[in-house]
Protein backbone atom coordinates (compact mmCIF):
# COMPACT_ATOMS: atom_id res chain seq x y z
CA MET A 1 -6.52 250.28 69.92
CA LEU A 2 -7.59 252.54 66.86
CA THR A 3 -3.69 253.10 65.70
CA LYS A 4 -0.35 252.64 67.16
CA ASN A 5 -0.87 255.41 69.94
CA ILE A 6 -4.60 256.22 69.64
CA PHE A 7 -6.21 253.81 72.28
CA LEU A 8 -10.06 253.37 71.76
CA LYS A 9 -12.58 252.16 74.68
CA ASN A 10 -15.45 251.65 73.10
CA ASN A 11 -18.13 251.27 75.65
CA PHE A 12 -21.09 252.04 72.81
CA LYS A 13 -20.81 248.19 72.83
CA LYS A 14 -22.72 247.61 75.89
CA ASN A 15 -25.45 250.05 74.87
CA SER A 16 -26.08 248.96 71.30
CA ASN A 17 -27.13 245.95 69.48
CA PHE A 18 -25.13 244.51 66.60
CA LYS A 19 -28.51 243.23 64.69
CA ASN A 20 -27.79 245.86 61.83
CA ILE A 21 -23.78 245.47 61.52
CA SER A 22 -24.01 243.20 58.68
CA THR A 23 -25.58 246.02 56.84
CA THR A 24 -22.75 248.67 58.61
CA LYS A 25 -20.25 246.20 57.24
CA LYS A 26 -21.97 246.50 53.59
CA PHE A 27 -22.22 249.88 53.53
CA PHE A 28 -18.44 250.24 54.50
CA LEU A 29 -17.67 247.74 51.57
CA LYS A 30 -19.35 250.04 48.83
CA LEU A 31 -17.79 253.29 50.56
CA LYS A 32 -14.48 251.69 50.22
CA LYS A 33 -15.55 250.78 46.56
CA ASP A 34 -16.76 254.19 45.74
CA TYR A 35 -13.58 255.91 47.09
CA GLU A 36 -11.53 253.36 44.94
CA GLU A 37 -13.52 254.29 41.69
CA ASN A 38 -13.17 257.90 42.79
CA LYS A 39 -16.73 258.51 43.15
CA ILE A 40 -15.83 260.41 46.44
CA PRO A 41 -13.37 263.09 45.15
CA LEU A 42 -12.80 265.11 48.23
CA LEU A 43 -11.34 261.69 49.90
CA LYS A 44 -8.35 262.57 47.43
CA SER A 45 -6.91 265.33 49.56
CA PHE A 46 -6.78 262.27 52.24
CA THR A 47 -3.76 260.74 50.08
CA LYS A 48 -0.45 261.38 49.63
CA LYS A 49 -0.76 261.45 45.96
CA TYR A 50 -2.83 264.41 46.32
CA GLN A 51 -1.68 267.73 44.58
CA LEU A 52 -1.23 270.98 46.48
CA GLY A 53 -2.47 273.88 44.70
CA TYR A 54 0.75 276.34 45.90
CA SER A 55 4.21 276.44 45.06
CA LYS A 56 7.23 276.19 47.44
CA LYS A 57 7.58 279.80 46.68
CA ILE A 58 4.52 281.03 48.49
CA ILE A 59 5.81 278.79 51.31
CA LYS A 60 9.15 280.32 51.08
CA ASN A 61 7.80 284.01 50.99
CA LEU A 62 5.15 283.15 53.98
CA SER A 63 7.86 281.59 55.99
CA LYS A 64 9.70 284.60 56.30
CA GLU A 65 7.24 285.89 58.72
CA LYS A 66 7.37 285.09 62.79
CA ASN A 67 3.34 285.22 63.08
CA ILE A 68 0.45 284.04 61.02
CA ILE A 69 -2.79 285.24 60.76
CA LEU A 70 -5.38 283.41 59.41
CA VAL A 71 -9.10 284.94 58.62
CA GLY A 72 -12.02 282.85 57.68
CA MET A 73 -15.62 281.28 58.90
CA GLY A 74 -15.89 277.44 60.22
CA GLY A 75 -14.67 274.59 58.14
CA SER A 76 -12.06 277.62 56.67
CA ILE A 77 -10.28 277.75 59.73
CA LEU A 78 -11.18 274.99 61.91
CA GLY A 79 -9.02 272.48 60.74
CA ALA A 80 -5.68 274.56 60.94
CA LYS A 81 -6.76 275.49 64.46
CA ALA A 82 -6.94 272.13 65.49
CA ILE A 83 -3.50 271.17 63.94
CA TYR A 84 -2.38 274.25 65.82
CA SER A 85 -3.53 273.40 68.84
CA PHE A 86 -2.90 269.85 69.12
CA LEU A 87 0.56 269.90 68.04
CA LYS A 88 1.94 273.30 69.16
CA PRO A 89 4.82 272.26 71.53
CA LYS A 90 6.41 271.48 67.91
CA ILE A 91 5.75 274.84 66.34
CA LYS A 92 7.78 277.71 66.38
CA LYS A 93 5.76 280.69 64.42
CA ASN A 94 3.00 282.11 66.34
CA PHE A 95 -0.10 281.47 64.58
CA LEU A 96 -3.76 283.83 65.33
CA PHE A 97 -7.04 283.07 64.28
CA GLN A 98 -10.06 285.32 63.34
CA ASP A 99 -12.56 282.97 63.02
CA ASN A 100 -15.69 285.38 64.03
CA LEU A 101 -17.44 288.70 63.45
CA SER A 102 -16.27 291.26 66.40
CA GLU A 103 -15.28 294.90 66.39
CA ARG A 104 -13.71 293.99 69.67
CA SER A 105 -11.49 290.88 68.11
CA ASN A 106 -10.74 293.44 65.10
CA ILE A 107 -9.30 296.11 67.53
CA GLU A 108 -7.45 294.01 69.52
CA LEU A 109 -5.88 292.43 66.69
CA ASN A 110 -4.97 295.49 65.29
CA LEU A 111 -3.65 297.09 68.80
CA ARG A 112 -1.10 294.55 68.62
CA LYS A 113 0.33 296.34 65.70
CA ILE A 114 2.21 292.74 64.94
CA LYS A 115 5.19 292.97 62.51
CA ASN A 116 6.70 290.19 60.52
CA THR A 117 3.13 288.95 60.17
CA ALA A 118 1.48 287.23 57.14
CA TYR A 119 -1.88 286.99 56.63
CA ILE A 120 -4.10 284.25 54.88
CA PHE A 121 -7.90 285.32 54.22
CA ILE A 122 -9.53 281.77 53.25
CA SER A 123 -13.19 281.71 52.20
CA LYS A 124 -14.52 278.74 49.64
CA SER A 125 -17.23 280.55 48.13
CA GLY A 126 -15.36 284.06 48.16
CA ASN A 127 -19.14 285.72 49.35
CA THR A 128 -19.05 284.89 53.22
CA ILE A 129 -20.28 288.02 54.83
CA GLU A 130 -18.24 287.75 57.81
CA THR A 131 -15.15 287.31 56.33
CA VAL A 132 -15.27 289.73 53.78
CA ALA A 133 -15.88 292.32 56.53
CA ASN A 134 -12.94 291.13 58.82
CA ILE A 135 -10.77 291.70 55.60
CA ASN A 136 -12.07 295.02 55.22
CA LEU A 137 -11.28 295.86 58.74
CA ILE A 138 -7.82 294.42 58.67
CA LEU A 139 -6.89 295.86 55.42
CA GLN A 140 -8.12 299.66 56.09
CA ASN A 141 -6.28 299.43 59.57
CA ASN A 142 -3.42 297.96 58.49
CA LYS A 143 -2.68 299.05 54.61
CA LYS A 144 1.11 298.46 54.68
CA ILE A 145 0.38 294.91 54.95
CA ASN A 146 3.12 293.10 52.24
CA ASN A 147 2.89 289.57 52.46
CA LYS A 148 -0.82 288.23 52.19
CA ILE A 149 -2.73 285.69 50.07
CA PHE A 150 -5.96 284.22 49.46
CA ILE A 151 -7.69 280.94 49.11
CA THR A 152 -10.61 280.81 47.54
CA GLU A 153 -12.79 279.02 44.66
CA ASN A 154 -11.21 279.55 41.08
CA LYS A 155 -14.38 281.99 39.92
CA LYS A 156 -15.50 285.54 40.26
CA ASN A 157 -16.26 286.11 43.75
CA ALA A 158 -15.96 289.00 46.40
CA ILE A 159 -12.58 287.70 47.72
CA SER A 160 -10.93 287.20 43.71
CA GLU A 161 -11.91 290.82 43.57
CA ILE A 162 -10.31 291.92 46.40
CA SER A 163 -7.38 290.02 45.31
CA GLU A 164 -7.05 291.14 41.82
CA SER A 165 -7.67 295.16 43.45
CA LEU A 166 -4.36 294.35 45.37
CA LYS A 167 -2.61 292.32 42.69
CA THR A 168 -2.28 289.19 45.43
CA GLU A 169 -1.93 285.50 44.38
CA ILE A 170 -5.02 283.54 44.90
CA ILE A 171 -4.38 279.46 45.87
CA GLU A 172 -7.51 277.76 44.47
CA HIS A 173 -10.12 275.80 47.00
CA LYS A 174 -11.18 273.18 45.21
CA ASN A 175 -14.69 272.85 44.33
CA PHE A 176 -15.20 269.49 45.30
CA ILE A 177 -14.09 270.30 48.70
CA GLY A 178 -16.46 271.43 51.15
CA GLY A 179 -14.75 273.97 54.02
CA ARG A 180 -15.91 271.03 57.01
CA TYR A 181 -13.81 268.30 54.89
CA SER A 182 -10.90 270.64 53.77
CA VAL A 183 -8.18 270.14 56.44
CA MET A 184 -6.23 267.85 54.20
CA SER A 185 -6.20 270.26 51.11
CA GLU A 186 -4.70 273.73 50.96
CA VAL A 187 -6.84 275.02 53.43
CA GLY A 188 -5.24 272.88 56.29
CA MET A 189 -1.94 272.08 54.87
CA LEU A 190 -0.74 275.49 53.76
CA PRO A 191 -0.79 276.64 57.53
CA ALA A 192 0.60 273.10 58.73
CA GLU A 193 3.88 273.60 56.39
CA LEU A 194 4.23 276.93 57.61
CA MET A 195 3.94 275.42 61.01
CA GLY A 196 7.21 273.57 59.88
CA LEU A 197 4.96 270.01 60.21
CA ASN A 198 5.63 267.11 57.88
CA ILE A 199 2.35 267.29 56.13
CA LYS A 200 2.71 263.96 54.29
CA LYS A 201 2.79 262.48 57.49
CA PHE A 202 -1.13 263.20 58.05
CA LYS A 203 -1.95 261.57 55.28
CA ASN A 204 -2.38 257.66 55.49
CA LEU A 205 -6.01 257.08 53.85
CA ASN A 206 -5.10 254.18 51.80
CA HIS A 207 -3.29 252.37 55.01
CA LEU A 208 -5.93 252.93 57.39
CA ILE A 209 -8.95 251.88 55.08
CA LYS A 210 -7.17 248.49 54.69
CA ASN A 211 -6.21 248.24 58.44
CA LYS A 212 -8.45 245.29 59.70
CA ASN A 213 -8.34 246.71 63.26
CA PHE A 214 -9.21 250.56 62.13
CA VAL A 215 -11.78 249.01 59.65
CA GLN A 216 -13.22 247.19 62.62
CA ASN A 217 -13.53 250.11 65.14
CA LEU A 218 -14.94 252.07 62.35
CA VAL A 219 -17.42 249.86 61.50
CA GLU A 220 -18.47 249.14 64.93
CA ASN A 221 -18.60 252.59 65.96
CA VAL A 222 -20.58 253.42 62.94
CA ASN A 223 -23.29 250.81 63.73
CA SER A 224 -23.52 252.02 67.49
CA LEU A 225 -24.26 255.69 66.37
CA TYR A 226 -26.63 255.11 63.79
CA ASN A 227 -28.26 252.43 66.54
CA PHE A 228 -28.53 255.38 69.13
CA TYR A 229 -30.19 257.73 65.96
CA ARG A 230 -32.74 255.35 65.31
CA GLU A 231 -33.42 254.90 69.01
CA ALA A 232 -33.91 258.53 69.39
CA LYS A 233 -30.61 259.14 71.16
CA THR A 234 -29.58 262.15 69.12
CA ASN A 235 -27.20 264.41 72.00
CA LEU A 236 -23.39 263.76 71.32
CA ILE A 237 -21.42 265.33 73.79
CA ILE A 238 -17.79 265.57 73.94
CA LEU A 239 -15.73 265.74 76.70
CA ASN A 240 -12.45 267.00 76.54
CA TYR A 241 -9.96 266.64 79.04
CA ASP A 242 -7.51 267.95 77.04
CA GLN A 243 -6.98 271.79 76.27
CA ASP A 244 -5.03 271.20 73.42
CA MET A 245 -7.95 269.43 71.98
CA THR A 246 -10.42 271.63 72.24
CA ASP A 247 -9.99 272.76 68.66
CA LEU A 248 -9.96 269.55 67.43
CA SER A 249 -13.62 268.96 69.19
CA TYR A 250 -14.86 271.96 67.89
CA TRP A 251 -13.64 270.78 64.37
CA TYR A 252 -15.46 267.48 65.27
CA GLN A 253 -18.44 269.29 66.22
CA GLN A 254 -19.03 271.01 62.61
CA LEU A 255 -18.14 267.74 60.66
CA ILE A 256 -20.92 266.00 62.76
CA ALA A 257 -23.74 268.62 62.93
CA GLU A 258 -23.41 270.43 59.31
CA SER A 259 -22.74 266.94 57.35
CA LEU A 260 -25.93 264.68 59.14
CA GLY A 261 -28.61 267.63 60.38
CA LYS A 262 -30.93 267.26 57.79
CA HIS A 263 -34.58 266.93 56.81
CA GLY A 264 -35.20 266.41 60.61
CA LYS A 265 -32.28 263.95 61.26
CA GLY A 266 -28.72 264.16 62.94
CA PHE A 267 -26.97 264.29 66.00
CA LEU A 268 -26.54 267.75 68.27
CA PRO A 269 -22.85 267.80 69.05
CA LEU A 270 -21.99 269.69 72.33
CA VAL A 271 -18.73 270.11 73.33
CA SER A 272 -17.99 270.22 77.29
CA THR A 273 -14.69 270.78 78.58
CA VAL A 274 -13.74 269.22 81.69
CA PRO A 275 -13.12 268.87 84.40
CA LYS A 276 -14.35 272.15 84.46
CA ASP A 277 -17.92 271.35 83.38
CA ASN A 278 -18.01 268.62 86.29
CA HIS A 279 -19.07 271.73 88.48
CA SER A 280 -21.94 272.58 85.99
CA LEU A 281 -23.05 269.93 83.85
CA LEU A 282 -21.95 266.29 85.32
CA GLN A 283 -25.33 266.32 87.41
CA LEU A 284 -27.31 266.58 84.16
CA TYR A 285 -24.80 264.10 82.47
CA LEU A 286 -24.92 261.49 85.18
CA ASP A 287 -28.83 262.20 86.26
CA GLY A 288 -30.85 263.73 83.70
CA PRO A 289 -32.59 262.79 80.21
CA ARG A 290 -31.41 259.34 79.04
CA ASN A 291 -30.79 260.89 74.91
CA ASN A 292 -27.20 261.54 75.66
CA PHE A 293 -24.12 259.32 74.53
CA PHE A 294 -20.47 260.65 74.99
CA THR A 295 -17.02 260.77 72.85
CA ILE A 296 -14.28 261.71 75.66
CA PHE A 297 -10.92 262.84 74.26
CA GLN A 298 -8.08 262.53 76.65
CA SER A 299 -4.13 262.14 76.07
CA LYS A 300 -0.88 261.80 77.96
CA HIS A 301 -0.03 264.92 79.11
CA VAL A 302 3.36 266.46 80.19
CA LYS A 303 4.29 266.07 83.69
CA LYS A 304 5.66 269.40 84.77
CA THR A 305 4.68 270.60 88.24
CA GLU A 306 3.87 268.13 91.44
CA LEU A 307 1.74 269.56 94.14
CA LYS A 308 4.11 269.62 97.45
CA LYS A 309 2.85 268.62 100.80
CA PHE A 310 3.36 272.15 102.71
CA TYR A 311 0.43 273.37 100.98
CA LEU A 312 -1.87 270.31 101.08
CA PRO A 313 -4.50 270.49 104.51
CA LYS A 314 -4.35 266.65 105.79
CA SER A 315 -7.83 265.85 104.45
CA LEU A 316 -6.31 266.07 101.22
CA LYS A 317 -2.60 264.91 101.68
CA TYR A 318 -3.54 262.10 99.12
CA LEU A 319 -2.54 264.64 96.37
CA THR A 320 1.20 264.94 97.75
CA ASN A 321 3.04 264.58 94.80
CA LYS A 322 0.51 264.09 92.57
CA SER A 323 0.56 266.05 89.13
CA ILE A 324 -2.08 267.89 86.81
CA GLU A 325 -1.67 264.65 84.81
CA ASN A 326 -2.32 262.17 87.61
CA ILE A 327 -5.83 264.12 88.54
CA LEU A 328 -7.03 264.67 85.09
CA ASP A 329 -6.17 260.96 84.60
CA ALA A 330 -7.92 259.95 87.72
CA LYS A 331 -11.01 262.31 86.79
CA THR A 332 -11.20 260.46 83.20
CA ILE A 333 -11.37 256.96 84.89
CA ALA A 334 -13.62 258.16 87.38
CA THR A 335 -16.00 259.64 84.52
CA GLU A 336 -15.86 256.30 82.70
CA LYS A 337 -16.78 254.25 86.08
CA ALA A 338 -19.91 256.73 86.57
CA PHE A 339 -21.10 256.38 83.33
CA THR A 340 -20.60 252.15 83.11
CA LYS A 341 -22.42 251.88 86.42
CA LYS A 342 -25.22 253.86 84.95
CA ASN A 343 -25.45 252.29 81.88
CA ILE A 344 -24.11 255.42 80.10
CA PRO A 345 -23.23 254.91 76.45
CA PHE A 346 -19.47 256.40 75.89
CA ARG A 347 -15.99 256.04 74.17
CA THR A 348 -12.70 257.26 74.55
CA PHE A 349 -10.09 258.34 71.91
CA TYR A 350 -6.78 258.25 74.29
CA PHE A 351 -3.74 259.51 72.71
CA SER A 352 -0.37 258.12 73.75
CA LYS A 353 1.71 260.04 71.25
CA LYS A 354 0.74 263.64 69.57
CA ASN A 355 2.44 263.72 66.11
CA GLU A 356 1.60 264.16 62.55
CA GLN A 357 0.06 260.56 61.80
CA GLU A 358 -2.21 260.49 64.88
CA LEU A 359 -3.96 263.64 63.97
CA GLY A 360 -4.39 262.67 60.37
CA ALA A 361 -5.55 259.33 61.68
CA ILE A 362 -8.40 260.84 63.86
CA PHE A 363 -8.94 263.36 61.24
CA THR A 364 -9.52 260.58 58.56
CA PHE A 365 -11.67 258.52 60.94
CA PHE A 366 -14.07 260.72 61.83
CA VAL A 367 -14.73 261.96 58.20
CA LEU A 368 -15.51 258.37 57.15
CA GLU A 369 -17.50 257.77 60.26
CA THR A 370 -19.67 260.89 59.27
CA ILE A 371 -20.18 259.68 55.38
CA LEU A 372 -20.52 256.08 56.68
CA LEU A 373 -23.58 257.75 58.77
CA SER A 374 -24.88 259.69 55.99
CA ARG A 375 -25.42 256.96 53.78
CA LEU A 376 -27.11 254.85 56.70
CA MET A 377 -29.43 257.79 57.26
CA LYS A 378 -30.08 258.60 53.62
CA VAL A 379 -28.52 262.42 54.19
CA ASN A 380 -26.83 264.46 51.86
CA PRO A 381 -23.23 264.59 54.31
CA PHE A 382 -21.75 267.24 51.72
CA ASN A 383 -23.96 270.07 51.27
CA GLN A 384 -25.96 272.21 53.81
CA PRO A 385 -28.92 273.93 51.72
CA SER A 386 -30.52 275.44 55.36
CA VAL A 387 -27.53 277.88 55.84
CA GLU A 388 -28.28 279.56 52.75
CA ILE A 389 -31.70 280.51 54.05
CA ILE A 390 -30.15 283.12 56.64
CA LYS A 391 -27.34 284.27 54.23
CA ASN A 392 -30.09 285.00 51.92
CA GLU A 393 -32.10 286.73 54.40
CA THR A 394 -29.27 288.51 55.96
CA LYS A 395 -28.47 289.90 52.65
CA LYS A 396 -32.05 291.37 52.15
CA ILE A 397 -32.18 293.15 55.62
CA LEU A 398 -28.52 294.74 54.54
CA LEU A 399 -29.76 295.68 51.04
CA ARG A 400 -33.06 296.92 53.09
CA ASN A 401 -31.21 298.98 55.65
């Protein structure tokens, strides 16, 4: 058990030796000390003491609208998407996310002609080409947008120039918080507050980092992941059995890929939606190369409709009165049993309840896991130098043409 409502079945233990566990514990204690001495400032945002840089007035103004559209790329938007999809049954407002560069999606957004809509434009650097292009397309087709706000660093950049020309307020994106770590900062908490969620309930780092059970699970998982890396087992397949956690899967994918993928090191995290992918990829998972390990997401689903006997053939009568939840649970257990028989490493995070505390706990777990892994692997988890190559080359090409 990771927390009260998150059950962690850790099969990694059976596939990874614990020779390095004492070293991993030492690295955790050093990480904890660095946090307590404020040497990892981004972790402030995971505590209740972090001061958010927006006023209640902004919340009041934006809350007047029934629809909220977030525009950004990568870490600027993935955290808010994960929160929205994970806790959607509790949320009354309608949120839309423009997180790719596509003329079609912009046209579709404009064709909706959504009234009572507020826009939140997000870019840490303020110069993200895709975000700036999307902002331009949205504003030129929706000139009467009244309720809009920008989140960017406190410096002169493209986003701040647009904001100044429109005389629109800017919320500061703290420069010590990278996009993929920003879910507990203004970037994730402003949307969460507009969703009507209790943002303080997300932030329990101080409690979790002292919780023996949480820490033990963290250290054991990091130790296993590091051993997989040393054994060249570097394909991390994220099996998601709950559509509400698809965006959480993509948030985790970016965190792992962008934080650890440096200097020939890292993991390749791939999101696999199941049981759909059972009918295209499962054969490979079970009988292909043995360089994969699996993180499984599953949760307690709300029972809605049961299958009726009248519509089932005799060969499938065992499905009578079974719900979708029953089938998904059976598929998950069957996958775990198959992996166990074939000695394929996996861990399962099972959510018995979905609320702010549990989502905040899993955000915290994966961020600490990633930072701790980076120290063992000797990479900087907070930069992404190679991404700048594509940005610079794109700019050169556009300047030439």
